[in-house]
PDB file of all heavy atoms in Angstrom:
ATOM      1  N   ALA A   1     -57.354  60.091 -26.822  1.00  0.00           N
ATOM      2  CA  ALA A   1     -58.296  61.018 -27.440  1.00  0.00           C
ATOM      3  C   ALA A   1     -57.707  62.422 -27.552  1.00  0.00           C
ATOM      4  O   ALA A   1     -57.850  63.093 -28.583  1.00  0.00           O
ATOM      5  CB  ALA A   1     -59.590  61.047 -26.632  1.00  0.00           C
ATOM      6  N   LEU A   2     -57.026  62.872 -26.500  1.00  0.00           N
ATOM      7  CA  LEU A   2     -56.421  64.200 -26.530  1.00  0.00           C
ATOM      8  C   LEU A   2     -55.270  64.261 -27.520  1.00  0.00           C
ATOM      9  O   LEU A   2     -55.125  65.234 -28.269  1.00  0.00           O
ATOM     10  CB  LEU A   2     -55.940  64.588 -25.136  1.00  0.00           C
ATOM     11  CG  LEU A   2     -56.980  65.250 -24.236  1.00  0.00           C
ATOM     12  CD1 LEU A   2     -56.469  65.353 -22.814  1.00  0.00           C
ATOM     13  CD2 LEU A   2     -57.340  66.631 -24.757  1.00  0.00           C
ATOM     14  N   ALA A   3     -54.442  63.236 -27.528  1.00  0.00           N
ATOM     15  CA  ALA A   3     -53.309  63.214 -28.462  1.00  0.00           C
ATOM     16  C   ALA A   3     -53.799  63.210 -29.909  1.00  0.00           C
ATOM     17  O   ALA A   3     -53.218  63.864 -30.780  1.00  0.00           O
ATOM     18  CB  ALA A   3     -52.442  61.988 -28.194  1.00  0.00           C
ATOM     19  N   LYS A   4     -54.890  62.515 -30.158  1.00  0.00           N
ATOM     20  CA  LYS A   4     -55.465  62.492 -31.504  1.00  0.00           C
ATOM     21  C   LYS A   4     -55.999  63.857 -31.885  1.00  0.00           C
ATOM     22  O   LYS A   4     -55.902  64.279 -33.039  1.00  0.00           O
ATOM     23  CB  LYS A   4     -56.577  61.442 -31.560  1.00  0.00           C
ATOM     24  CG  LYS A   4     -57.179  61.257 -32.947  1.00  0.00           C
ATOM     25  CD  LYS A   4     -58.221  60.141 -32.940  1.00  0.00           C
ATOM     26  CE  LYS A   4     -58.819  59.944 -34.336  1.00  0.00           C
ATOM     27  NZ  LYS A   4     -59.838  58.856 -34.328  1.00  0.00           N
ATOM     28  N   ARG A   5     -56.535  64.579 -30.923  1.00  0.00           N
ATOM     29  CA  ARG A   5     -57.130  65.882 -31.182  1.00  0.00           C
ATOM     30  C   ARG A   5     -56.074  66.952 -31.440  1.00  0.00           C
ATOM     31  O   ARG A   5     -56.215  67.767 -32.362  1.00  0.00           O
ATOM     32  CB  ARG A   5     -58.008  66.288 -29.992  1.00  0.00           C
ATOM     33  CG  ARG A   5     -58.578  67.694 -30.052  1.00  0.00           C
ATOM     34  CD  ARG A   5     -59.520  67.906 -31.200  1.00  0.00           C
ATOM     35  NE  ARG A   5     -60.696  67.049 -31.128  1.00  0.00           N
ATOM     36  CZ  ARG A   5     -61.664  67.028 -32.028  1.00  0.00           C
ATOM     37  NH1 ARG A   5     -61.579  67.810 -33.093  1.00  0.00           N
ATOM     38  NH2 ARG A   5     -62.695  66.222 -31.893  1.00  0.00           N
ATOM     39  N   ILE A   6     -54.989  66.973 -30.648  1.00  0.00           N
ATOM     40  CA  ILE A   6     -54.019  68.073 -30.761  1.00  0.00           C
ATOM     41  C   ILE A   6     -52.667  67.640 -31.326  1.00  0.00           C
ATOM     42  O   ILE A   6     -51.802  68.489 -31.551  1.00  0.00           O
ATOM     43  CB  ILE A   6     -53.805  68.758 -29.394  1.00  0.00           C
ATOM     44  CG1 ILE A   6     -53.140  67.807 -28.388  1.00  0.00           C
ATOM     45  CG2 ILE A   6     -55.128  69.282 -28.847  1.00  0.00           C
ATOM     46  CD1 ILE A   6     -52.794  68.469 -27.059  1.00  0.00           C
ATOM     47  N   GLY A   7     -52.481  66.350 -31.559  1.00  0.00           N
ATOM     48  CA  GLY A   7     -51.215  65.864 -32.097  1.00  0.00           C
ATOM     49  C   GLY A   7     -50.285  65.384 -30.996  1.00  0.00           C
ATOM     50  O   GLY A   7     -50.269  65.936 -29.893  1.00  0.00           O
ATOM     51  N   ASN A   8     -49.517  64.361 -31.299  1.00  0.00           N
ATOM     52  CA  ASN A   8     -48.660  63.744 -30.282  1.00  0.00           C
ATOM     53  C   ASN A   8     -47.596  64.693 -29.739  1.00  0.00           C
ATOM     54  O   ASN A   8     -47.273  64.668 -28.552  1.00  0.00           O
ATOM     55  CB  ASN A   8     -47.992  62.494 -30.857  1.00  0.00           C
ATOM     56  CG  ASN A   8     -48.962  61.336 -31.002  1.00  0.00           C
ATOM     57  OD1 ASN A   8     -49.835  61.134 -30.165  1.00  0.00           O
ATOM     58  ND2 ASN A   8     -48.819  60.573 -32.079  1.00  0.00           N
ATOM     59  N   LYS A   9     -47.042  65.535 -30.623  1.00  0.00           N
ATOM     60  CA  LYS A   9     -45.967  66.433 -30.184  1.00  0.00           C
ATOM     61  C   LYS A   9     -46.472  67.431 -29.155  1.00  0.00           C
ATOM     62  O   LYS A   9     -45.878  67.605 -28.072  1.00  0.00           O
ATOM     63  CB  LYS A   9     -45.361  67.155 -31.383  1.00  0.00           C
ATOM     64  CG  LYS A   9     -44.187  68.057 -31.011  1.00  0.00           C
ATOM     65  CD  LYS A   9     -43.584  68.706 -32.253  1.00  0.00           C
ATOM     66  CE  LYS A   9     -42.406  69.596 -31.883  1.00  0.00           C
ATOM     67  NZ  LYS A   9     -41.806  70.255 -33.074  1.00  0.00           N
ATOM     68  N   LEU A  10     -47.582  68.111 -29.466  1.00  0.00           N
ATOM     69  CA  LEU A  10     -48.136  69.083 -28.525  1.00  0.00           C
ATOM     70  C   LEU A  10     -48.664  68.394 -27.282  1.00  0.00           C
ATOM     71  O   LEU A  10     -48.503  68.904 -26.162  1.00  0.00           O
ATOM     72  CB  LEU A  10     -49.246  69.891 -29.198  1.00  0.00           C
ATOM     73  CG  LEU A  10     -49.908  70.971 -28.322  1.00  0.00           C
ATOM     74  CD1 LEU A  10     -48.874  71.933 -27.766  1.00  0.00           C
ATOM     75  CD2 LEU A  10     -50.977  71.714 -29.118  1.00  0.00           C
ATOM     76  N   TRP A  11     -49.280  67.231 -27.450  1.00  0.00           N
ATOM     77  CA  TRP A  11     -49.777  66.494 -26.284  1.00  0.00           C
ATOM     78  C   TRP A  11     -48.631  66.169 -25.323  1.00  0.00           C
ATOM     79  O   TRP A  11     -48.772  66.302 -24.111  1.00  0.00           O
ATOM     80  CB  TRP A  11     -50.472  65.215 -26.723  1.00  0.00           C
ATOM     81  CG  TRP A  11     -50.639  64.213 -25.607  1.00  0.00           C
ATOM     82  CD1 TRP A  11     -50.076  62.988 -25.531  1.00  0.00           C
ATOM     83  CD2 TRP A  11     -51.392  64.367 -24.404  1.00  0.00           C
ATOM     84  NE1 TRP A  11     -50.423  62.363 -24.357  1.00  0.00           N
ATOM     85  CE2 TRP A  11     -51.239  63.196 -23.643  1.00  0.00           C
ATOM     86  CE3 TRP A  11     -52.186  65.392 -23.899  1.00  0.00           C
ATOM     87  CZ2 TRP A  11     -51.828  63.015 -22.414  1.00  0.00           C
ATOM     88  CZ3 TRP A  11     -52.790  65.212 -22.655  1.00  0.00           C
ATOM     89  CH2 TRP A  11     -52.613  64.028 -21.936  1.00  0.00           C
ATOM     90  N   GLY A  12     -47.488  65.788 -25.859  1.00  0.00           N
ATOM     91  CA  GLY A  12     -46.351  65.478 -24.998  1.00  0.00           C
ATOM     92  C   GLY A  12     -45.914  66.678 -24.174  1.00  0.00           C
ATOM     93  O   GLY A  12     -45.559  66.544 -22.997  1.00  0.00           O
ATOM     94  N   LYS A  13     -45.954  67.864 -24.782  1.00  0.00           N
ATOM     95  CA  LYS A  13     -45.572  69.079 -24.056  1.00  0.00           C
ATOM     96  C   LYS A  13     -46.619  69.477 -23.027  1.00  0.00           C
ATOM     97  O   LYS A  13     -46.298  69.784 -21.870  1.00  0.00           O
ATOM     98  CB  LYS A  13     -45.363  70.227 -25.046  1.00  0.00           C
ATOM     99  CG  LYS A  13     -44.175  70.057 -25.974  1.00  0.00           C
ATOM    100  CD  LYS A  13     -44.027  71.273 -26.877  1.00  0.00           C
ATOM    101  CE  LYS A  13     -42.800  71.156 -27.766  1.00  0.00           C
ATOM    102  NZ  LYS A  13     -42.572  72.386 -28.569  1.00  0.00           N
ATOM    103  N   VAL A  14     -47.875  69.476 -23.448  1.00  0.00           N
ATOM    104  CA  VAL A  14     -48.954  69.910 -22.564  1.00  0.00           C
ATOM    105  C   VAL A  14     -49.093  68.976 -21.368  1.00  0.00           C
ATOM    106  O   VAL A  14     -49.251  69.422 -20.224  1.00  0.00           O
ATOM    107  CB  VAL A  14     -50.285  69.990 -23.347  1.00  0.00           C
ATOM    108  CG1 VAL A  14     -51.461  70.215 -22.398  1.00  0.00           C
ATOM    109  CG2 VAL A  14     -50.224  71.110 -24.381  1.00  0.00           C
ATOM    110  N   SER A  15     -49.002  67.694 -21.607  1.00  0.00           N
ATOM    111  CA  SER A  15     -49.230  66.717 -20.540  1.00  0.00           C
ATOM    112  C   SER A  15     -48.129  66.716 -19.485  1.00  0.00           C
ATOM    113  O   SER A  15     -48.339  66.198 -18.386  1.00  0.00           O
ATOM    114  CB  SER A  15     -49.383  65.314 -21.135  1.00  0.00           C
ATOM    115  OG  SER A  15     -48.197  64.917 -21.789  1.00  0.00           O
ATOM    116  N   SER A  16     -46.986  67.299 -19.793  1.00  0.00           N
ATOM    117  CA  SER A  16     -45.906  67.362 -18.811  1.00  0.00           C
ATOM    118  C   SER A  16     -45.750  68.748 -18.199  1.00  0.00           C
ATOM    119  O   SER A  16     -44.890  68.962 -17.346  1.00  0.00           O
ATOM    120  CB  SER A  16     -44.580  66.937 -19.457  1.00  0.00           C
ATOM    121  OG  SER A  16     -44.241  67.795 -20.531  1.00  0.00           O
ATOM    122  N   ALA A  17     -46.592  69.699 -18.606  1.00  0.00           N
ATOM    123  CA  ALA A  17     -46.490  71.071 -18.113  1.00  0.00           C
ATOM    124  C   ALA A  17     -47.088  71.205 -16.718  1.00  0.00           C
ATOM    125  O   ALA A  17     -48.045  70.517 -16.364  1.00  0.00           O
ATOM    126  CB  ALA A  17     -47.187  72.024 -19.073  1.00  0.00           C
ATOM    127  N   LYS A  18     -46.510  72.138 -15.947  1.00  0.00           N
ATOM    128  CA  LYS A  18     -46.973  72.414 -14.589  1.00  0.00           C
ATOM    129  C   LYS A  18     -47.282  73.907 -14.477  1.00  0.00           C
ATOM    130  O   LYS A  18     -46.401  74.744 -14.679  1.00  0.00           O
ATOM    131  CB  LYS A  18     -45.895  72.012 -13.579  1.00  0.00           C
ATOM    132  CG  LYS A  18     -45.577  70.516 -13.594  1.00  0.00           C
ATOM    133  CD  LYS A  18     -44.459  70.161 -12.625  1.00  0.00           C
ATOM    134  CE  LYS A  18     -43.118  70.663 -13.122  1.00  0.00           C
ATOM    135  NZ  LYS A  18     -41.998  70.211 -12.252  1.00  0.00           N
ATOM    136  N   VAL A  19     -48.536  74.208 -14.147  1.00  0.00           N
ATOM    137  CA  VAL A  19     -49.005  75.595 -14.149  1.00  0.00           C
ATOM    138  C   VAL A  19     -49.616  75.938 -12.796  1.00  0.00           C
ATOM    139  O   VAL A  19     -50.441  75.188 -12.268  1.00  0.00           O
ATOM    140  CB  VAL A  19     -50.053  75.825 -15.254  1.00  0.00           C
ATOM    141  CG1 VAL A  19     -50.516  77.283 -15.256  1.00  0.00           C
ATOM    142  CG2 VAL A  19     -49.477  75.446 -16.628  1.00  0.00           C
ATOM    143  N   ALA A  20     -49.209  77.083 -12.251  1.00  0.00           N
ATOM    144  CA  ALA A  20     -49.789  77.580 -10.999  1.00  0.00           C
ATOM    145  C   ALA A  20     -50.876  78.589 -11.312  1.00  0.00           C
ATOM    146  O   ALA A  20     -50.661  79.516 -12.108  1.00  0.00           O
ATOM    147  CB  ALA A  20     -48.713  78.222 -10.134  1.00  0.00           C
ATOM    148  N   VAL A  21     -52.040  78.409 -10.707  1.00  0.00           N
ATOM    149  CA  VAL A  21     -53.141  79.357 -10.842  1.00  0.00           C
ATOM    150  C   VAL A  21     -53.330  80.029  -9.490  1.00  0.00           C
ATOM    151  O   VAL A  21     -53.755  79.391  -8.519  1.00  0.00           O
ATOM    152  CB  VAL A  21     -54.436  78.661 -11.294  1.00  0.00           C
ATOM    153  CG1 VAL A  21     -55.540  79.697 -11.491  1.00  0.00           C
ATOM    154  CG2 VAL A  21     -54.208  77.878 -12.591  1.00  0.00           C
ATOM    155  N   CYS A  22     -53.000  81.308  -9.428  1.00  0.00           N
ATOM    156  CA  CYS A  22     -52.988  82.053  -8.173  1.00  0.00           C
ATOM    157  C   CYS A  22     -54.240  82.909  -8.081  1.00  0.00           C
ATOM    158  O   CYS A  22     -54.354  83.947  -8.743  1.00  0.00           O
ATOM    159  CB  CYS A  22     -51.738  82.925  -8.107  1.00  0.00           C
ATOM    160  SG  CYS A  22     -50.203  82.005  -8.351  1.00  0.00           S
ATOM    161  N   GLY A  23     -55.181  82.460  -7.278  1.00  0.00           N
ATOM    162  CA  GLY A  23     -56.498  83.075  -7.210  1.00  0.00           C
ATOM    163  C   GLY A  23     -57.478  82.243  -7.999  1.00  0.00           C
ATOM    164  O   GLY A  23     -57.274  81.992  -9.182  1.00  0.00           O
ATOM    165  N   LEU A  24     -58.567  81.805  -7.356  1.00  0.00           N
ATOM    166  CA  LEU A  24     -59.495  80.869  -7.987  1.00  0.00           C
ATOM    167  C   LEU A  24     -60.893  81.465  -8.117  1.00  0.00           C
ATOM    168  O   LEU A  24     -61.897  80.784  -7.943  1.00  0.00           O
ATOM    169  CB  LEU A  24     -59.541  79.558  -7.190  1.00  0.00           C
ATOM    170  CG  LEU A  24     -58.182  78.872  -6.988  1.00  0.00           C
ATOM    171  CD1 LEU A  24     -58.351  77.605  -6.165  1.00  0.00           C
ATOM    172  CD2 LEU A  24     -57.509  78.565  -8.314  1.00  0.00           C
ATOM    173  N   GLY A  25     -60.944  82.748  -8.446  1.00  0.00           N
ATOM    174  CA  GLY A  25     -62.221  83.413  -8.654  1.00  0.00           C
ATOM    175  C   GLY A  25     -62.653  83.333 -10.104  1.00  0.00           C
ATOM    176  O   GLY A  25     -62.493  82.310 -10.765  1.00  0.00           O
ATOM    177  N   GLY A  26     -63.195  84.444 -10.614  1.00  0.00           N
ATOM    178  CA  GLY A  26     -63.701  84.446 -11.980  1.00  0.00           C
ATOM    179  C   GLY A  26     -62.634  84.145 -13.013  1.00  0.00           C
ATOM    180  O   GLY A  26     -62.888  83.426 -13.985  1.00  0.00           O
ATOM    181  N   LEU A  27     -61.458  84.683 -12.826  1.00  0.00           N
ATOM    182  CA  LEU A  27     -60.356  84.382 -13.738  1.00  0.00           C
ATOM    183  C   LEU A  27     -59.804  82.983 -13.485  1.00  0.00           C
ATOM    184  O   LEU A  27     -59.771  82.133 -14.368  1.00  0.00           O
ATOM    185  CB  LEU A  27     -59.237  85.417 -13.583  1.00  0.00           C
ATOM    186  CG  LEU A  27     -59.516  86.820 -14.093  1.00  0.00           C
ATOM    187  CD1 LEU A  27     -58.385  87.758 -13.696  1.00  0.00           C
ATOM    188  CD2 LEU A  27     -59.692  86.815 -15.612  1.00  0.00           C
ATOM    189  N   GLY A  28     -59.341  82.750 -12.272  1.00  0.00           N
ATOM    190  CA  GLY A  28     -58.607  81.526 -11.984  1.00  0.00           C
ATOM    191  C   GLY A  28     -59.405  80.252 -12.173  1.00  0.00           C
ATOM    192  O   GLY A  28     -58.892  79.261 -12.702  1.00  0.00           O
ATOM    193  N   SER A  29     -60.677  80.261 -11.749  1.00  0.00           N
ATOM    194  CA  SER A  29     -61.463  79.032 -11.897  1.00  0.00           C
ATOM    195  C   SER A  29     -61.696  78.712 -13.368  1.00  0.00           C
ATOM    196  O   SER A  29     -61.664  77.551 -13.774  1.00  0.00           O
ATOM    197  CB  SER A  29     -62.794  79.152 -11.148  1.00  0.00           C
ATOM    198  OG  SER A  29     -63.607  80.181 -11.683  1.00  0.00           O
ATOM    199  N   ASN A  30     -61.904  79.742 -14.192  1.00  0.00           N
ATOM    200  CA  ASN A  30     -62.083  79.521 -15.626  1.00  0.00           C
ATOM    201  C   ASN A  30     -60.777  79.120 -16.304  1.00  0.00           C
ATOM    202  O   ASN A  30     -60.775  78.259 -17.188  1.00  0.00           O
ATOM    203  CB  ASN A  30     -62.671  80.786 -16.273  1.00  0.00           C
ATOM    204  CG  ASN A  30     -64.158  80.915 -16.038  1.00  0.00           C
ATOM    205  OD1 ASN A  30     -64.951  80.146 -16.548  1.00  0.00           O
ATOM    206  ND2 ASN A  30     -64.541  81.902 -15.244  1.00  0.00           N
ATOM    207  N   ILE A  31     -59.669  79.746 -15.921  1.00  0.00           N
ATOM    208  CA  ILE A  31     -58.360  79.349 -16.461  1.00  0.00           C
ATOM    209  C   ILE A  31     -58.108  77.878 -16.173  1.00  0.00           C
ATOM    210  O   ILE A  31     -57.706  77.114 -17.055  1.00  0.00           O
ATOM    211  CB  ILE A  31     -57.239  80.206 -15.846  1.00  0.00           C
ATOM    212  CG1 ILE A  31     -57.329  81.658 -16.318  1.00  0.00           C
ATOM    213  CG2 ILE A  31     -55.863  79.630 -16.192  1.00  0.00           C
ATOM    214  CD1 ILE A  31     -56.443  82.612 -15.526  1.00  0.00           C
ATOM    215  N   ALA A  32     -58.344  77.477 -14.938  1.00  0.00           N
ATOM    216  CA  ALA A  32     -58.069  76.093 -14.544  1.00  0.00           C
ATOM    217  C   ALA A  32     -58.913  75.102 -15.335  1.00  0.00           C
ATOM    218  O   ALA A  32     -58.417  74.047 -15.763  1.00  0.00           O
ATOM    219  CB  ALA A  32     -58.314  75.923 -13.048  1.00  0.00           C
ATOM    220  N   VAL A  33     -60.186  75.422 -15.556  1.00  0.00           N
ATOM    221  CA  VAL A  33     -61.056  74.532 -16.332  1.00  0.00           C
ATOM    222  C   VAL A  33     -60.533  74.391 -17.755  1.00  0.00           C
ATOM    223  O   VAL A  33     -60.465  73.282 -18.307  1.00  0.00           O
ATOM    224  CB  VAL A  33     -62.513  75.037 -16.311  1.00  0.00           C
ATOM    225  CG1 VAL A  33     -63.339  74.354 -17.392  1.00  0.00           C
ATOM    226  CG2 VAL A  33     -63.130  74.790 -14.947  1.00  0.00           C
ATOM    227  N   MET A  34     -60.153  75.496 -18.374  1.00  0.00           N
ATOM    228  CA  MET A  34     -59.657  75.425 -19.751  1.00  0.00           C
ATOM    229  C   MET A  34     -58.350  74.649 -19.845  1.00  0.00           C
ATOM    230  O   MET A  34     -58.148  73.863 -20.784  1.00  0.00           O
ATOM    231  CB  MET A  34     -59.510  76.840 -20.309  1.00  0.00           C
ATOM    232  CG  MET A  34     -60.845  77.479 -20.677  1.00  0.00           C
ATOM    233  SD  MET A  34     -60.697  79.142 -21.381  1.00  0.00           S
ATOM    234  CE  MET A  34     -60.803  80.144 -19.902  1.00  0.00           C
ATOM    235  N   LEU A  35     -57.464  74.838 -18.888  1.00  0.00           N
ATOM    236  CA  LEU A  35     -56.193  74.110 -18.925  1.00  0.00           C
ATOM    237  C   LEU A  35     -56.408  72.618 -18.648  1.00  0.00           C
ATOM    238  O   LEU A  35     -55.721  71.769 -19.226  1.00  0.00           O
ATOM    239  CB  LEU A  35     -55.219  74.708 -17.911  1.00  0.00           C
ATOM    240  CG  LEU A  35     -54.767  76.143 -18.206  1.00  0.00           C
ATOM    241  CD1 LEU A  35     -53.785  76.612 -17.134  1.00  0.00           C
ATOM    242  CD2 LEU A  35     -54.135  76.264 -19.592  1.00  0.00           C
ATOM    243  N   ALA A  36     -57.362  72.306 -17.779  1.00  0.00           N
ATOM    244  CA  ALA A  36     -57.681  70.897 -17.527  1.00  0.00           C
ATOM    245  C   ALA A  36     -58.219  70.237 -18.788  1.00  0.00           C
ATOM    246  O   ALA A  36     -57.830  69.115 -19.134  1.00  0.00           O
ATOM    247  CB  ALA A  36     -58.689  70.781 -16.390  1.00  0.00           C
ATOM    248  N   ARG A  37     -59.102  70.918 -19.497  1.00  0.00           N
ATOM    249  CA  ARG A  37     -59.651  70.368 -20.740  1.00  0.00           C
ATOM    250  C   ARG A  37     -58.563  70.212 -21.803  1.00  0.00           C
ATOM    251  O   ARG A  37     -58.620  69.296 -22.630  1.00  0.00           O
ATOM    252  CB  ARG A  37     -60.772  71.265 -21.267  1.00  0.00           C
ATOM    253  CG  ARG A  37     -62.016  71.251 -20.410  1.00  0.00           C
ATOM    254  CD  ARG A  37     -63.182  71.912 -21.120  1.00  0.00           C
ATOM    255  NE  ARG A  37     -64.359  72.001 -20.269  1.00  0.00           N
ATOM    256  CZ  ARG A  37     -65.200  71.001 -20.010  1.00  0.00           C
ATOM    257  NH1 ARG A  37     -64.978  69.809 -20.542  1.00  0.00           N
ATOM    258  NH2 ARG A  37     -66.257  71.184 -19.230  1.00  0.00           N
ATOM    259  N   ALA A  38     -57.579  71.098 -21.772  1.00  0.00           N
ATOM    260  CA  ALA A  38     -56.491  71.031 -22.754  1.00  0.00           C
ATOM    261  C   ALA A  38     -55.495  69.915 -22.456  1.00  0.00           C
ATOM    262  O   ALA A  38     -54.677  69.589 -23.316  1.00  0.00           O
ATOM    263  CB  ALA A  38     -55.759  72.367 -22.805  1.00  0.00           C
ATOM    264  N   GLY A  39     -55.555  69.345 -21.252  1.00  0.00           N
ATOM    265  CA  GLY A  39     -54.682  68.235 -20.923  1.00  0.00           C
ATOM    266  C   GLY A  39     -53.412  68.590 -20.181  1.00  0.00           C
ATOM    267  O   GLY A  39     -52.482  67.775 -20.113  1.00  0.00           O
ATOM    268  N   VAL A  40     -53.345  69.808 -19.602  1.00  0.00           N
ATOM    269  CA  VAL A  40     -52.164  70.179 -18.817  1.00  0.00           C
ATOM    270  C   VAL A  40     -51.953  69.156 -17.707  1.00  0.00           C
ATOM    271  O   VAL A  40     -52.896  68.740 -17.038  1.00  0.00           O
ATOM    272  CB  VAL A  40     -52.330  71.603 -18.247  1.00  0.00           C
ATOM    273  CG1 VAL A  40     -51.288  71.886 -17.179  1.00  0.00           C
ATOM    274  CG2 VAL A  40     -52.215  72.628 -19.371  1.00  0.00           C
ATOM    275  N   GLY A  41     -50.693  68.770 -17.515  1.00  0.00           N
ATOM    276  CA  GLY A  41     -50.400  67.654 -16.626  1.00  0.00           C
ATOM    277  C   GLY A  41     -50.625  67.912 -15.152  1.00  0.00           C
ATOM    278  O   GLY A  41     -51.129  67.055 -14.427  1.00  0.00           O
ATOM    279  N   LYS A  42     -50.233  69.114 -14.678  1.00  0.00           N
ATOM    280  CA  LYS A  42     -50.362  69.390 -13.246  1.00  0.00           C
ATOM    281  C   LYS A  42     -50.743  70.836 -13.035  1.00  0.00           C
ATOM    282  O   LYS A  42     -50.187  71.747 -13.650  1.00  0.00           O
ATOM    283  CB  LYS A  42     -49.052  69.101 -12.504  1.00  0.00           C
ATOM    284  CG  LYS A  42     -49.142  69.316 -10.994  1.00  0.00           C
ATOM    285  CD  LYS A  42     -47.902  68.815 -10.264  1.00  0.00           C
ATOM    286  CE  LYS A  42     -48.044  68.965  -8.758  1.00  0.00           C
ATOM    287  NZ  LYS A  42     -46.878  68.417  -8.030  1.00  0.00           N
ATOM    288  N   LEU A  43     -51.713  71.055 -12.138  1.00  0.00           N
ATOM    289  CA  LEU A  43     -52.125  72.387 -11.754  1.00  0.00           C
ATOM    290  C   LEU A  43     -51.903  72.598 -10.264  1.00  0.00           C
ATOM    291  O   LEU A  43     -52.232  71.728  -9.449  1.00  0.00           O
ATOM    292  CB  LEU A  43     -53.606  72.618 -12.072  1.00  0.00           C
ATOM    293  CG  LEU A  43     -54.013  72.671 -13.541  1.00  0.00           C
ATOM    294  CD1 LEU A  43     -55.520  72.860 -13.653  1.00  0.00           C
ATOM    295  CD2 LEU A  43     -53.280  73.779 -14.285  1.00  0.00           C
ATOM    296  N   TYR A  44     -51.321  73.730  -9.931  1.00  0.00           N
ATOM    297  CA  TYR A  44     -51.212  74.168  -8.546  1.00  0.00           C
ATOM    298  C   TYR A  44     -52.329  75.186  -8.323  1.00  0.00           C
ATOM    299  O   TYR A  44     -52.359  76.235  -8.977  1.00  0.00           O
ATOM    300  CB  TYR A  44     -49.861  74.824  -8.280  1.00  0.00           C
ATOM    301  CG  TYR A  44     -48.676  73.924  -8.536  1.00  0.00           C
ATOM    302  CD1 TYR A  44     -48.116  73.828  -9.805  1.00  0.00           C
ATOM    303  CD2 TYR A  44     -48.111  73.179  -7.502  1.00  0.00           C
ATOM    304  CE1 TYR A  44     -47.028  73.004 -10.040  1.00  0.00           C
ATOM    305  CE2 TYR A  44     -47.018  72.348  -7.731  1.00  0.00           C
ATOM    306  CZ  TYR A  44     -46.490  72.268  -9.002  1.00  0.00           C
ATOM    307  OH  TYR A  44     -45.406  71.448  -9.238  1.00  0.00           O
ATOM    308  N   LEU A  45     -53.253  74.888  -7.437  1.00  0.00           N
ATOM    309  CA  LEU A  45     -54.404  75.755  -7.170  1.00  0.00           C
ATOM    310  C   LEU A  45     -54.195  76.457  -5.840  1.00  0.00           C
ATOM    311  O   LEU A  45     -54.084  75.800  -4.792  1.00  0.00           O
ATOM    312  CB  LEU A  45     -55.693  74.937  -7.134  1.00  0.00           C
ATOM    313  CG  LEU A  45     -56.002  74.079  -8.369  1.00  0.00           C
ATOM    314  CD1 LEU A  45     -57.325  73.344  -8.173  1.00  0.00           C
ATOM    315  CD2 LEU A  45     -56.046  74.929  -9.642  1.00  0.00           C
ATOM    316  N   ILE A  46     -54.163  77.797  -5.869  1.00  0.00           N
ATOM    317  CA  ILE A  46     -53.808  78.566  -4.681  1.00  0.00           C
ATOM    318  C   ILE A  46     -54.878  79.619  -4.408  1.00  0.00           C
ATOM    319  O   ILE A  46     -55.115  80.516  -5.230  1.00  0.00           O
ATOM    320  CB  ILE A  46     -52.431  79.242  -4.867  1.00  0.00           C
ATOM    321  CG1 ILE A  46     -51.366  78.198  -5.236  1.00  0.00           C
ATOM    322  CG2 ILE A  46     -52.034  79.995  -3.597  1.00  0.00           C
ATOM    323  CD1 ILE A  46     -50.071  78.785  -5.747  1.00  0.00           C
ATOM    324  N   ASP A  47     -55.532  79.511  -3.259  1.00  0.00           N
ATOM    325  CA  ASP A  47     -56.535  80.497  -2.843  1.00  0.00           C
ATOM    326  C   ASP A  47     -56.905  80.204  -1.391  1.00  0.00           C
ATOM    327  O   ASP A  47     -56.935  79.036  -0.980  1.00  0.00           O
ATOM    328  CB  ASP A  47     -57.786  80.433  -3.722  1.00  0.00           C
ATOM    329  CG  ASP A  47     -58.628  81.695  -3.649  1.00  0.00           C
ATOM    330  OD1 ASP A  47     -58.966  82.125  -2.528  1.00  0.00           O
ATOM    331  OD2 ASP A  47     -58.947  82.264  -4.707  1.00  0.00           O
TER     332      ASP A  47
END
């Protein structure tokens, strides 16, 4: 479903990306939700 929505090329990049979110308050918790919905492969949550 995600690959169909954003295209296979971008899905391949997003699904293998690793992003650290430092601080999980108003900024970090919202950033993490958006990146999860976008299909980012791995999140490091630090707080």
